[in-house]
Amino acid sequence: MATPPKPPQLNTLHLDDLADGSPEQLRPGTTLTGVSLAVERHSPVDLTDARVDGVRFDRLAVPELRLRGAGLLEVALDAVDVPVMDAARTDWSDARLSGRIGALTAYDSSLRSVHFIGCRLGFVNLRGSELLDVQFTDCSIDELDLGETRCRRVRFTDTRIASLEVPRAVLVDVDLRGATLSTVGGVGHLSGATITPEQALQLAPLLAAHVGISISDD
């Protein structure tokens, strides 16, 4: 009998009794600590190379969020409405995200104990990233690129993925049973993932093509 995948180990966020923050504090290279704030504006928020620690965004509605090179520790991004989020080469630890993101670019990043809850995500680029203890719950994802990632204890629950890419990914304890999959690229690199029998039947033609098997009823 197959051993079930180990679930993600998500740390509890402690983000109560925070001071009131101000949108004016959001700037490149800043250190933002121990505040809660809501941001709604028509101009981008630039937190490039910032350090964000113990911060809760109760609302974040901006046309673009720039996080490239930032470090985020114990951060909640709630009620997000961001068409473009540039989070390349970021370091996430103990984080929660909910809301809508059109394009999330987070290649070459590190995500540890991160929970995506009720997210509506367009294109998500995590190529080359390391994911440890990551959970997707009640999400809808148009395109998820996990190419060349290292994923350990990653789980999808009640989540729809229209297009999943996993070429050259290294997967350990990745639980796809709660995902509705439409198309999968790089199917030969699904080793280390757990799927349902129904998903196995769906992926059978792709797996057969990968190993050079022709399927015919003639």
N, C-alpha and C. Protein backbone atom coordinates (compact mmCIF):
# COMPACT_ATOMS: atom_id res chain seq x y z
N MET A 1 0.85 -1.20 0.00
CA MET A 1 0.00 0.00 0.00
C MET A 1 0.88 1.25 0.00
N ALA A 2 0.55 2.17 -0.86
CA ALA A 2 1.36 3.39 -0.99
C ALA A 2 1.28 4.23 0.27
N THR A 3 2.40 4.83 0.62
CA THR A 3 2.44 5.73 1.77
C THR A 3 1.86 7.08 1.38
N PRO A 4 0.89 7.60 2.13
CA PRO A 4 0.31 8.90 1.77
C PRO A 4 1.34 10.01 1.89
N PRO A 5 1.20 11.04 1.08
CA PRO A 5 2.18 12.14 1.15
C PRO A 5 2.08 12.88 2.47
N LYS A 6 3.20 13.34 2.94
CA LYS A 6 3.21 14.14 4.16
C LYS A 6 2.58 15.50 3.88
N PRO A 7 1.70 15.98 4.77
CA PRO A 7 1.04 17.27 4.53
C PRO A 7 1.98 18.43 4.84
N PRO A 8 1.67 19.60 4.29
CA PRO A 8 2.46 20.79 4.62
C PRO A 8 2.36 21.11 6.11
N GLN A 9 3.44 21.61 6.65
CA GLN A 9 3.47 22.06 8.04
C GLN A 9 3.43 23.59 8.04
N LEU A 10 2.24 24.11 8.23
CA LEU A 10 2.04 25.56 8.17
C LEU A 10 2.04 26.16 9.57
N ASN A 11 2.87 27.15 9.76
CA ASN A 11 2.94 27.81 11.05
C ASN A 11 1.80 28.81 11.21
N THR A 12 1.31 28.93 12.42
CA THR A 12 0.25 29.89 12.73
C THR A 12 0.81 31.31 12.72
N LEU A 13 0.08 32.21 12.06
CA LEU A 13 0.49 33.61 12.04
C LEU A 13 -0.01 34.31 13.29
N HIS A 14 0.81 35.14 13.85
CA HIS A 14 0.45 35.92 15.04
C HIS A 14 0.47 37.40 14.65
N LEU A 15 -0.65 37.84 14.13
CA LEU A 15 -0.71 39.20 13.57
C LEU A 15 -1.84 40.02 14.20
N ASP A 16 -2.07 39.84 15.48
CA ASP A 16 -3.04 40.66 16.22
C ASP A 16 -2.31 41.79 16.95
N ASP A 17 -3.07 42.76 17.37
CA ASP A 17 -2.52 43.87 18.17
C ASP A 17 -1.35 44.56 17.46
N LEU A 18 -1.52 44.78 16.17
CA LEU A 18 -0.49 45.48 15.41
C LEU A 18 -0.75 46.98 15.41
N ALA A 19 0.29 47.74 15.25
CA ALA A 19 0.13 49.19 15.12
C ALA A 19 -0.44 49.52 13.75
N ASP A 20 -1.04 50.71 13.65
CA ASP A 20 -1.57 51.16 12.36
C ASP A 20 -0.42 51.64 11.48
N GLY A 21 -0.35 51.06 10.29
CA GLY A 21 0.66 51.49 9.35
C GLY A 21 0.11 52.51 8.37
N SER A 22 0.97 53.07 7.54
CA SER A 22 0.58 54.07 6.56
C SER A 22 1.11 53.68 5.20
N PRO A 23 0.33 53.89 4.14
CA PRO A 23 0.83 53.61 2.79
C PRO A 23 2.12 54.36 2.46
N GLU A 24 2.36 55.48 3.13
CA GLU A 24 3.57 56.25 2.88
C GLU A 24 4.83 55.48 3.31
N GLN A 25 4.65 54.45 4.13
CA GLN A 25 5.80 53.65 4.56
C GLN A 25 6.25 52.66 3.49
N LEU A 26 5.47 52.50 2.45
CA LEU A 26 5.76 51.50 1.43
C LEU A 26 6.66 52.10 0.37
N ARG A 27 7.93 51.72 0.41
CA ARG A 27 8.90 52.25 -0.54
C ARG A 27 10.05 51.25 -0.68
N PRO A 28 10.81 51.32 -1.75
CA PRO A 28 11.90 50.37 -1.97
C PRO A 28 12.91 50.37 -0.82
N GLY A 29 13.36 49.17 -0.47
CA GLY A 29 14.41 49.04 0.53
C GLY A 29 13.99 49.31 1.96
N THR A 30 12.72 49.54 2.20
CA THR A 30 12.27 49.86 3.55
C THR A 30 12.29 48.64 4.44
N THR A 31 12.26 48.86 5.75
CA THR A 31 12.03 47.81 6.73
C THR A 31 10.70 48.12 7.41
N LEU A 32 9.74 47.22 7.21
CA LEU A 32 8.38 47.43 7.71
C LEU A 32 8.09 46.33 8.72
N THR A 33 7.78 46.73 9.96
CA THR A 33 7.65 45.75 11.04
C THR A 33 6.46 46.06 11.92
N GLY A 34 5.67 45.02 12.24
CA GLY A 34 4.65 45.10 13.28
C GLY A 34 3.51 46.06 13.02
N VAL A 35 3.02 46.12 11.78
CA VAL A 35 1.93 47.05 11.47
C VAL A 35 0.86 46.32 10.65
N SER A 36 -0.34 46.90 10.65
CA SER A 36 -1.41 46.48 9.76
C SER A 36 -1.85 47.70 8.96
N LEU A 37 -2.24 47.47 7.71
CA LEU A 37 -2.65 48.58 6.88
C LEU A 37 -3.49 48.09 5.71
N ALA A 38 -4.26 49.01 5.17
CA ALA A 38 -5.06 48.76 3.97
C ALA A 38 -4.63 49.76 2.92
N VAL A 39 -4.44 49.27 1.69
CA VAL A 39 -3.93 50.12 0.62
C VAL A 39 -4.83 49.97 -0.60
N GLU A 40 -5.39 51.06 -1.05
CA GLU A 40 -6.14 51.11 -2.30
C GLU A 40 -5.73 52.38 -3.03
N ARG A 41 -5.07 52.20 -4.18
CA ARG A 41 -4.67 53.38 -4.95
C ARG A 41 -4.42 52.99 -6.39
N HIS A 42 -4.30 54.00 -7.24
CA HIS A 42 -4.18 53.77 -8.69
C HIS A 42 -2.74 53.77 -9.18
N SER A 43 -1.78 53.83 -8.26
CA SER A 43 -0.37 53.80 -8.63
C SER A 43 0.29 52.56 -8.02
N PRO A 44 1.40 52.09 -8.61
CA PRO A 44 2.06 50.88 -8.11
C PRO A 44 2.60 51.06 -6.69
N VAL A 45 2.72 49.95 -5.99
CA VAL A 45 3.43 49.90 -4.71
C VAL A 45 4.77 49.23 -4.96
N ASP A 46 5.84 49.90 -4.58
CA ASP A 46 7.19 49.41 -4.84
C ASP A 46 7.87 49.05 -3.52
N LEU A 47 8.01 47.75 -3.28
CA LEU A 47 8.72 47.25 -2.09
C LEU A 47 9.95 46.45 -2.51
N THR A 48 10.57 46.84 -3.60
CA THR A 48 11.77 46.17 -4.07
C THR A 48 12.84 46.16 -2.98
N ASP A 49 13.39 44.97 -2.72
CA ASP A 49 14.46 44.80 -1.73
C ASP A 49 14.05 45.19 -0.31
N ALA A 50 12.75 45.25 -0.04
CA ALA A 50 12.28 45.60 1.29
C ALA A 50 12.35 44.40 2.23
N ARG A 51 12.25 44.67 3.53
CA ARG A 51 12.12 43.63 4.54
C ARG A 51 10.81 43.89 5.28
N VAL A 52 9.91 42.91 5.17
CA VAL A 52 8.56 43.05 5.71
C VAL A 52 8.37 41.95 6.75
N ASP A 53 8.19 42.32 8.01
CA ASP A 53 8.20 41.36 9.10
C ASP A 53 7.03 41.63 10.04
N GLY A 54 6.14 40.64 10.19
CA GLY A 54 5.01 40.81 11.10
C GLY A 54 4.04 41.88 10.63
N VAL A 55 3.60 41.77 9.37
CA VAL A 55 2.75 42.80 8.76
C VAL A 55 1.49 42.15 8.19
N ARG A 56 0.36 42.81 8.40
CA ARG A 56 -0.90 42.33 7.84
C ARG A 56 -1.50 43.40 6.93
N PHE A 57 -1.70 43.04 5.66
CA PHE A 57 -2.41 43.90 4.73
C PHE A 57 -3.87 43.46 4.72
N ASP A 58 -4.75 44.27 5.30
CA ASP A 58 -6.16 43.91 5.34
C ASP A 58 -6.83 44.09 3.98
N ARG A 59 -6.23 44.92 3.16
CA ARG A 59 -6.71 45.15 1.80
C ARG A 59 -5.54 45.68 0.99
N LEU A 60 -5.36 45.13 -0.21
CA LEU A 60 -4.28 45.58 -1.07
C LEU A 60 -4.78 45.58 -2.51
N ALA A 61 -5.21 46.73 -2.96
CA ALA A 61 -5.75 46.88 -4.31
C ALA A 61 -4.95 47.95 -5.04
N VAL A 62 -4.00 47.49 -5.87
CA VAL A 62 -3.12 48.39 -6.61
C VAL A 62 -2.90 47.79 -7.99
N PRO A 63 -2.53 48.61 -8.99
CA PRO A 63 -2.32 48.06 -10.33
C PRO A 63 -1.07 47.18 -10.44
N GLU A 64 -0.10 47.41 -9.57
CA GLU A 64 1.14 46.63 -9.63
C GLU A 64 1.80 46.63 -8.26
N LEU A 65 2.28 45.45 -7.86
CA LEU A 65 3.04 45.32 -6.61
C LEU A 65 4.42 44.80 -6.96
N ARG A 66 5.45 45.58 -6.60
CA ARG A 66 6.83 45.22 -6.90
C ARG A 66 7.51 44.74 -5.62
N LEU A 67 7.85 43.46 -5.62
CA LEU A 67 8.47 42.84 -4.45
C LEU A 67 9.84 42.23 -4.77
N ARG A 68 10.35 42.48 -5.94
CA ARG A 68 11.58 41.81 -6.38
C ARG A 68 12.68 41.94 -5.33
N GLY A 69 13.24 40.78 -4.92
CA GLY A 69 14.33 40.78 -3.96
C GLY A 69 13.93 41.02 -2.52
N ALA A 70 12.63 41.07 -2.24
CA ALA A 70 12.16 41.37 -0.89
C ALA A 70 12.19 40.12 -0.01
N GLY A 71 12.21 40.35 1.29
CA GLY A 71 12.09 39.28 2.27
C GLY A 71 10.83 39.50 3.08
N LEU A 72 9.97 38.47 3.14
CA LEU A 72 8.69 38.59 3.84
C LEU A 72 8.58 37.50 4.89
N LEU A 73 8.50 37.90 6.16
CA LEU A 73 8.43 36.96 7.27
C LEU A 73 7.17 37.25 8.08
N GLU A 74 6.31 36.24 8.22
CA GLU A 74 5.04 36.36 8.94
C GLU A 74 4.25 37.55 8.40
N VAL A 75 3.75 37.35 7.20
CA VAL A 75 3.03 38.41 6.47
C VAL A 75 1.71 37.84 5.95
N ALA A 76 0.64 38.62 6.08
CA ALA A 76 -0.66 38.27 5.51
C ALA A 76 -1.02 39.30 4.45
N LEU A 77 -1.31 38.82 3.26
CA LEU A 77 -1.79 39.67 2.17
C LEU A 77 -3.23 39.25 1.91
N ASP A 78 -4.17 39.94 2.52
CA ASP A 78 -5.58 39.58 2.44
C ASP A 78 -6.32 40.52 1.49
N ALA A 79 -7.39 40.00 0.89
CA ALA A 79 -8.23 40.80 -0.01
C ALA A 79 -7.37 41.51 -1.06
N VAL A 80 -6.46 40.75 -1.66
CA VAL A 80 -5.57 41.30 -2.67
C VAL A 80 -6.30 41.45 -3.99
N ASP A 81 -6.08 42.56 -4.66
CA ASP A 81 -6.57 42.77 -6.04
C ASP A 81 -5.44 43.45 -6.80
N VAL A 82 -4.56 42.63 -7.39
CA VAL A 82 -3.34 43.13 -8.02
C VAL A 82 -3.20 42.48 -9.40
N PRO A 83 -3.33 43.25 -10.48
CA PRO A 83 -3.15 42.67 -11.81
C PRO A 83 -1.75 42.14 -12.07
N VAL A 84 -0.72 42.82 -11.53
CA VAL A 84 0.67 42.41 -11.78
C VAL A 84 1.45 42.42 -10.46
N MET A 85 2.02 41.27 -10.10
CA MET A 85 2.87 41.18 -8.92
C MET A 85 4.23 40.64 -9.34
N ASP A 86 5.26 41.46 -9.23
CA ASP A 86 6.63 41.06 -9.55
C ASP A 86 7.31 40.69 -8.25
N ALA A 87 7.41 39.37 -8.00
CA ALA A 87 8.02 38.88 -6.77
C ALA A 87 9.19 37.96 -7.07
N ALA A 88 9.91 38.25 -8.13
CA ALA A 88 11.06 37.42 -8.49
C ALA A 88 12.14 37.51 -7.41
N ARG A 89 12.75 36.35 -7.15
CA ARG A 89 13.87 36.25 -6.20
C ARG A 89 13.49 36.79 -4.82
N THR A 90 12.28 36.45 -4.38
CA THR A 90 11.84 36.84 -3.05
C THR A 90 11.98 35.68 -2.08
N ASP A 91 11.94 36.00 -0.81
CA ASP A 91 12.05 35.00 0.25
C ASP A 91 10.81 35.14 1.13
N TRP A 92 9.91 34.11 1.06
CA TRP A 92 8.67 34.11 1.83
C TRP A 92 8.79 33.08 2.94
N SER A 93 8.42 33.46 4.15
CA SER A 93 8.40 32.52 5.26
C SER A 93 7.23 32.86 6.17
N ASP A 94 6.33 31.89 6.36
CA ASP A 94 5.13 32.09 7.16
C ASP A 94 4.28 33.22 6.57
N ALA A 95 3.58 32.89 5.50
CA ALA A 95 2.80 33.92 4.79
C ALA A 95 1.44 33.35 4.39
N ARG A 96 0.47 34.26 4.24
CA ARG A 96 -0.87 33.92 3.78
C ARG A 96 -1.28 34.91 2.71
N LEU A 97 -1.85 34.39 1.62
CA LEU A 97 -2.34 35.25 0.54
C LEU A 97 -3.76 34.86 0.19
N SER A 98 -4.61 35.87 -0.05
CA SER A 98 -5.96 35.61 -0.54
C SER A 98 -6.36 36.76 -1.46
N GLY A 99 -7.20 36.44 -2.44
CA GLY A 99 -7.66 37.48 -3.36
C GLY A 99 -7.33 37.15 -4.80
N ARG A 100 -7.15 38.20 -5.61
CA ARG A 100 -6.96 38.03 -7.04
C ARG A 100 -5.63 38.61 -7.47
N ILE A 101 -4.87 37.82 -8.22
CA ILE A 101 -3.61 38.28 -8.81
C ILE A 101 -3.62 37.87 -10.27
N GLY A 102 -3.46 38.83 -11.16
CA GLY A 102 -3.48 38.51 -12.58
C GLY A 102 -2.25 37.74 -13.03
N ALA A 103 -1.08 38.30 -12.81
CA ALA A 103 0.19 37.66 -13.17
C ALA A 103 1.13 37.74 -11.98
N LEU A 104 1.52 36.58 -11.47
CA LEU A 104 2.45 36.50 -10.34
C LEU A 104 3.77 35.93 -10.83
N THR A 105 4.79 36.78 -10.86
CA THR A 105 6.13 36.35 -11.28
C THR A 105 6.98 36.18 -10.04
N ALA A 106 7.30 34.93 -9.72
CA ALA A 106 8.07 34.66 -8.50
C ALA A 106 9.13 33.59 -8.75
N TYR A 107 9.79 33.68 -9.90
CA TYR A 107 10.82 32.70 -10.20
C TYR A 107 12.03 32.89 -9.29
N ASP A 108 12.80 31.81 -9.11
CA ASP A 108 14.01 31.82 -8.28
C ASP A 108 13.74 32.34 -6.87
N SER A 109 12.59 31.96 -6.32
CA SER A 109 12.21 32.42 -4.99
C SER A 109 12.21 31.25 -4.00
N SER A 110 12.04 31.58 -2.74
CA SER A 110 11.92 30.58 -1.69
C SER A 110 10.61 30.80 -0.95
N LEU A 111 9.76 29.76 -0.92
CA LEU A 111 8.48 29.85 -0.23
C LEU A 111 8.45 28.76 0.83
N ARG A 112 8.36 29.18 2.09
CA ARG A 112 8.33 28.24 3.21
C ARG A 112 7.14 28.58 4.10
N SER A 113 6.28 27.60 4.33
CA SER A 113 5.07 27.78 5.13
C SER A 113 4.23 28.93 4.57
N VAL A 114 3.75 28.71 3.35
CA VAL A 114 2.95 29.72 2.65
C VAL A 114 1.60 29.10 2.30
N HIS A 115 0.52 29.81 2.59
CA HIS A 115 -0.84 29.32 2.34
C HIS A 115 -1.56 30.28 1.40
N PHE A 116 -1.93 29.78 0.22
CA PHE A 116 -2.77 30.52 -0.71
C PHE A 116 -4.21 30.08 -0.46
N ILE A 117 -5.07 31.02 -0.07
CA ILE A 117 -6.45 30.68 0.30
C ILE A 117 -7.42 31.48 -0.56
N GLY A 118 -8.30 30.79 -1.26
CA GLY A 118 -9.33 31.48 -2.04
C GLY A 118 -8.76 32.43 -3.07
N CYS A 119 -7.64 32.07 -3.66
CA CYS A 119 -6.99 32.95 -4.64
C CYS A 119 -7.50 32.67 -6.05
N ARG A 120 -7.63 33.72 -6.82
CA ARG A 120 -7.90 33.62 -8.25
C ARG A 120 -6.66 34.13 -8.96
N LEU A 121 -5.91 33.19 -9.53
CA LEU A 121 -4.60 33.50 -10.07
C LEU A 121 -4.59 33.25 -11.57
N GLY A 122 -4.03 34.21 -12.31
CA GLY A 122 -3.90 34.04 -13.75
C GLY A 122 -2.65 33.22 -14.05
N PHE A 123 -1.59 33.87 -14.45
CA PHE A 123 -0.32 33.20 -14.75
C PHE A 123 0.57 33.26 -13.52
N VAL A 124 1.05 32.10 -13.06
CA VAL A 124 1.93 32.03 -11.88
C VAL A 124 3.25 31.39 -12.30
N ASN A 125 4.31 32.16 -12.23
CA ASN A 125 5.64 31.68 -12.63
C ASN A 125 6.49 31.47 -11.39
N LEU A 126 6.65 30.19 -10.99
CA LEU A 126 7.51 29.83 -9.86
C LEU A 126 8.74 29.07 -10.32
N ARG A 127 9.08 29.18 -11.57
CA ARG A 127 10.17 28.40 -12.16
C ARG A 127 11.47 28.61 -11.37
N GLY A 128 12.12 27.49 -11.08
CA GLY A 128 13.41 27.56 -10.39
C GLY A 128 13.32 27.86 -8.90
N SER A 129 12.11 27.89 -8.35
CA SER A 129 11.94 28.23 -6.94
C SER A 129 11.98 26.99 -6.06
N GLU A 130 12.08 27.22 -4.75
CA GLU A 130 12.02 26.15 -3.76
C GLU A 130 10.75 26.34 -2.94
N LEU A 131 9.89 25.33 -2.93
CA LEU A 131 8.64 25.37 -2.18
C LEU A 131 8.70 24.32 -1.08
N LEU A 132 8.57 24.75 0.14
CA LEU A 132 8.56 23.84 1.29
C LEU A 132 7.37 24.20 2.17
N ASP A 133 6.46 23.24 2.37
CA ASP A 133 5.27 23.46 3.18
C ASP A 133 4.41 24.57 2.59
N VAL A 134 3.87 24.28 1.42
CA VAL A 134 3.03 25.24 0.70
C VAL A 134 1.67 24.59 0.44
N GLN A 135 0.61 25.34 0.70
CA GLN A 135 -0.75 24.83 0.55
C GLN A 135 -1.56 25.78 -0.34
N PHE A 136 -2.29 25.21 -1.31
CA PHE A 136 -3.26 25.95 -2.11
C PHE A 136 -4.65 25.43 -1.74
N THR A 137 -5.51 26.30 -1.21
CA THR A 137 -6.85 25.91 -0.80
C THR A 137 -7.89 26.76 -1.51
N ASP A 138 -8.84 26.10 -2.17
CA ASP A 138 -9.94 26.79 -2.85
C ASP A 138 -9.42 27.87 -3.79
N CYS A 139 -8.48 27.48 -4.65
CA CYS A 139 -7.89 28.43 -5.59
C CYS A 139 -8.27 28.06 -7.02
N SER A 140 -8.20 29.04 -7.89
CA SER A 140 -8.36 28.84 -9.33
C SER A 140 -7.14 29.42 -10.01
N ILE A 141 -6.43 28.58 -10.76
CA ILE A 141 -5.17 28.98 -11.38
C ILE A 141 -5.23 28.70 -12.87
N ASP A 142 -5.01 29.72 -13.68
CA ASP A 142 -5.03 29.51 -15.13
C ASP A 142 -3.77 28.79 -15.61
N GLU A 143 -2.61 29.27 -15.22
CA GLU A 143 -1.34 28.66 -15.61
C GLU A 143 -0.39 28.65 -14.42
N LEU A 144 0.11 27.47 -14.08
CA LEU A 144 1.05 27.32 -12.97
C LEU A 144 2.33 26.68 -13.49
N ASP A 145 3.40 27.44 -13.47
CA ASP A 145 4.70 26.97 -13.97
C ASP A 145 5.58 26.59 -12.78
N LEU A 146 5.76 25.27 -12.61
CA LEU A 146 6.65 24.74 -11.57
C LEU A 146 7.90 24.12 -12.18
N GLY A 147 8.23 24.53 -13.38
CA GLY A 147 9.41 24.00 -14.03
C GLY A 147 10.68 24.26 -13.23
N GLU A 148 11.50 23.21 -13.07
CA GLU A 148 12.79 23.30 -12.39
C GLU A 148 12.66 23.69 -10.92
N THR A 149 11.48 23.51 -10.35
CA THR A 149 11.31 23.80 -8.93
C THR A 149 11.73 22.61 -8.09
N ARG A 150 11.91 22.86 -6.81
CA ARG A 150 12.10 21.82 -5.80
C ARG A 150 10.95 21.96 -4.82
N CYS A 151 10.04 21.01 -4.86
CA CYS A 151 8.81 21.09 -4.08
C CYS A 151 8.78 19.97 -3.05
N ARG A 152 8.54 20.33 -1.81
CA ARG A 152 8.44 19.34 -0.74
C ARG A 152 7.26 19.70 0.16
N ARG A 153 6.41 18.77 0.41
CA ARG A 153 5.20 18.95 1.21
C ARG A 153 4.38 20.11 0.65
N VAL A 154 3.89 19.92 -0.56
CA VAL A 154 3.03 20.89 -1.25
C VAL A 154 1.70 20.21 -1.53
N ARG A 155 0.60 20.87 -1.19
CA ARG A 155 -0.72 20.24 -1.33
C ARG A 155 -1.71 21.21 -1.99
N PHE A 156 -2.56 20.64 -2.83
CA PHE A 156 -3.64 21.39 -3.48
C PHE A 156 -4.97 20.82 -3.01
N THR A 157 -5.85 21.69 -2.51
CA THR A 157 -7.16 21.27 -2.02
C THR A 157 -8.24 22.12 -2.67
N ASP A 158 -9.23 21.47 -3.30
CA ASP A 158 -10.33 22.18 -3.95
C ASP A 158 -9.81 23.28 -4.87
N THR A 159 -8.83 22.93 -5.67
CA THR A 159 -8.16 23.91 -6.53
C THR A 159 -8.21 23.46 -7.99
N ARG A 160 -8.52 24.40 -8.87
CA ARG A 160 -8.56 24.14 -10.31
C ARG A 160 -7.29 24.69 -10.94
N ILE A 161 -6.62 23.85 -11.73
CA ILE A 161 -5.43 24.28 -12.46
C ILE A 161 -5.67 23.99 -13.94
N ALA A 162 -5.80 25.04 -14.72
CA ALA A 162 -6.07 24.84 -16.15
C ALA A 162 -4.83 24.30 -16.86
N SER A 163 -3.65 24.81 -16.52
CA SER A 163 -2.42 24.37 -17.16
C SER A 163 -1.31 24.28 -16.11
N LEU A 164 -0.74 23.08 -15.96
CA LEU A 164 0.34 22.84 -15.01
C LEU A 164 1.59 22.43 -15.76
N GLU A 165 2.71 23.11 -15.49
CA GLU A 165 3.99 22.79 -16.11
C GLU A 165 4.97 22.33 -15.03
N VAL A 166 5.54 21.13 -15.22
CA VAL A 166 6.49 20.60 -14.23
C VAL A 166 7.79 20.07 -14.86
N PRO A 167 8.24 20.60 -15.98
CA PRO A 167 9.48 20.05 -16.56
C PRO A 167 10.67 20.24 -15.62
N ARG A 168 11.43 19.16 -15.45
CA ARG A 168 12.65 19.15 -14.63
C ARG A 168 12.40 19.56 -13.18
N ALA A 169 11.18 19.38 -12.72
CA ALA A 169 10.86 19.64 -11.31
C ALA A 169 11.26 18.44 -10.46
N VAL A 170 11.59 18.70 -9.21
CA VAL A 170 11.87 17.65 -8.25
C VAL A 170 10.78 17.72 -7.17
N LEU A 171 9.96 16.68 -7.12
CA LEU A 171 8.78 16.69 -6.26
C LEU A 171 8.91 15.63 -5.16
N VAL A 172 8.63 16.04 -3.94
CA VAL A 172 8.61 15.12 -2.80
C VAL A 172 7.37 15.45 -1.97
N ASP A 173 6.52 14.45 -1.72
CA ASP A 173 5.31 14.67 -0.94
C ASP A 173 4.46 15.80 -1.52
N VAL A 174 4.25 15.76 -2.82
CA VAL A 174 3.38 16.73 -3.49
C VAL A 174 2.03 16.06 -3.72
N ASP A 175 0.98 16.63 -3.15
CA ASP A 175 -0.36 16.04 -3.17
C ASP A 175 -1.24 16.79 -4.16
N LEU A 176 -1.48 16.17 -5.30
CA LEU A 176 -2.31 16.77 -6.35
C LEU A 176 -3.74 16.22 -6.34
N ARG A 177 -4.08 15.41 -5.37
CA ARG A 177 -5.39 14.76 -5.38
C ARG A 177 -6.55 15.74 -5.28
N GLY A 178 -6.32 16.88 -4.67
CA GLY A 178 -7.38 17.86 -4.53
C GLY A 178 -7.40 18.89 -5.64
N ALA A 179 -6.68 18.62 -6.72
CA ALA A 179 -6.61 19.55 -7.84
C ALA A 179 -7.39 19.00 -9.03
N THR A 180 -8.09 19.88 -9.71
CA THR A 180 -8.70 19.56 -10.99
C THR A 180 -7.72 19.99 -12.07
N LEU A 181 -7.18 19.04 -12.80
CA LEU A 181 -6.13 19.31 -13.78
C LEU A 181 -6.72 19.23 -15.19
N SER A 182 -6.39 20.22 -16.00
CA SER A 182 -6.82 20.19 -17.40
C SER A 182 -5.69 19.71 -18.30
N THR A 183 -4.56 20.38 -18.27
CA THR A 183 -3.41 19.96 -19.06
C THR A 183 -2.16 19.97 -18.18
N VAL A 184 -1.23 19.04 -18.47
CA VAL A 184 0.01 18.95 -17.71
C VAL A 184 1.16 18.85 -18.69
N GLY A 185 2.14 19.75 -18.56
CA GLY A 185 3.35 19.71 -19.36
C GLY A 185 4.51 19.18 -18.54
N GLY A 186 5.37 18.36 -19.17
CA GLY A 186 6.48 17.77 -18.44
C GLY A 186 6.03 16.64 -17.55
N VAL A 187 5.03 15.88 -18.03
CA VAL A 187 4.41 14.84 -17.21
C VAL A 187 5.42 13.80 -16.72
N GLY A 188 6.52 13.65 -17.42
CA GLY A 188 7.54 12.69 -17.00
C GLY A 188 8.24 13.08 -15.72
N HIS A 189 8.02 14.30 -15.24
CA HIS A 189 8.66 14.76 -14.01
C HIS A 189 7.67 14.83 -12.86
N LEU A 190 6.57 14.08 -12.94
CA LEU A 190 5.61 14.03 -11.85
C LEU A 190 6.00 13.03 -10.77
N SER A 191 7.14 12.40 -10.91
CA SER A 191 7.60 11.48 -9.88
C SER A 191 7.68 12.20 -8.54
N GLY A 192 7.10 11.59 -7.52
CA GLY A 192 7.07 12.21 -6.20
C GLY A 192 5.75 12.87 -5.89
N ALA A 193 4.84 12.89 -6.89
CA ALA A 193 3.50 13.44 -6.67
C ALA A 193 2.51 12.30 -6.44
N THR A 194 1.44 12.60 -5.74
CA THR A 194 0.36 11.64 -5.52
C THR A 194 -0.88 12.15 -6.23
N ILE A 195 -1.51 11.28 -7.04
CA ILE A 195 -2.72 11.64 -7.78
C ILE A 195 -3.78 10.57 -7.52
N THR A 196 -5.01 10.89 -7.91
CA THR A 196 -6.11 9.95 -7.75
C THR A 196 -6.15 8.98 -8.94
N PRO A 197 -6.87 7.87 -8.80
CA PRO A 197 -7.05 6.97 -9.96
C PRO A 197 -7.69 7.69 -11.15
N GLU A 198 -8.64 8.57 -10.88
CA GLU A 198 -9.28 9.32 -11.97
C GLU A 198 -8.28 10.22 -12.68
N GLN A 199 -7.40 10.86 -11.92
CA GLN A 199 -6.37 11.69 -12.54
C GLN A 199 -5.40 10.84 -13.34
N ALA A 200 -5.09 9.65 -12.85
CA ALA A 200 -4.18 8.75 -13.57
C ALA A 200 -4.77 8.39 -14.94
N LEU A 201 -6.07 8.11 -14.98
CA LEU A 201 -6.71 7.81 -16.26
C LEU A 201 -6.66 9.01 -17.19
N GLN A 202 -6.87 10.19 -16.63
CA GLN A 202 -6.84 11.42 -17.43
C GLN A 202 -5.45 11.64 -18.02
N LEU A 203 -4.41 11.34 -17.23
CA LEU A 203 -3.04 11.59 -17.67
C LEU A 203 -2.45 10.43 -18.47
N ALA A 204 -3.17 9.33 -18.56
CA ALA A 204 -2.62 8.13 -19.23
C ALA A 204 -2.11 8.41 -20.64
N PRO A 205 -2.85 9.12 -21.50
CA PRO A 205 -2.32 9.39 -22.85
C PRO A 205 -1.01 10.18 -22.82
N LEU A 206 -0.90 11.14 -21.90
CA LEU A 206 0.34 11.92 -21.81
C LEU A 206 1.49 11.05 -21.32
N LEU A 207 1.21 10.20 -20.33
CA LEU A 207 2.26 9.31 -19.83
C LEU A 207 2.69 8.30 -20.89
N ALA A 208 1.72 7.80 -21.65
CA ALA A 208 2.05 6.85 -22.71
C ALA A 208 2.92 7.50 -23.78
N ALA A 209 2.54 8.72 -24.15
CA ALA A 209 3.33 9.43 -25.16
C ALA A 209 4.74 9.70 -24.66
N HIS A 210 4.87 9.96 -23.35
CA HIS A 210 6.18 10.27 -22.79
C HIS A 210 7.13 9.08 -22.90
N VAL A 211 6.60 7.87 -22.72
CA VAL A 211 7.47 6.69 -22.78
C VAL A 211 7.41 6.01 -24.15
N GLY A 212 6.72 6.64 -25.11
CA GLY A 212 6.72 6.13 -26.46
C GLY A 212 5.73 5.02 -26.75
N ILE A 213 4.64 4.95 -25.96
CA ILE A 213 3.62 3.94 -26.18
C ILE A 213 2.50 4.51 -27.05
N SER A 214 2.14 3.78 -28.09
CA SER A 214 1.01 4.18 -28.93
C SER A 214 -0.25 3.51 -28.41
N ILE A 215 -1.33 4.26 -28.34
CA ILE A 215 -2.61 3.73 -27.88
C ILE A 215 -3.54 3.67 -29.06
N SER A 216 -4.04 2.47 -29.37
CA SER A 216 -4.91 2.31 -30.53
C SER A 216 -5.87 1.15 -30.27
N ASP A 217 -7.11 1.31 -30.74
CA ASP A 217 -8.09 0.22 -30.63
C ASP A 217 -8.31 -0.48 -31.97
N ASP A 218 -7.43 -0.22 -32.95
CA ASP A 218 -7.54 -0.88 -34.25
C ASP A 218 -6.95 -2.30 -34.17
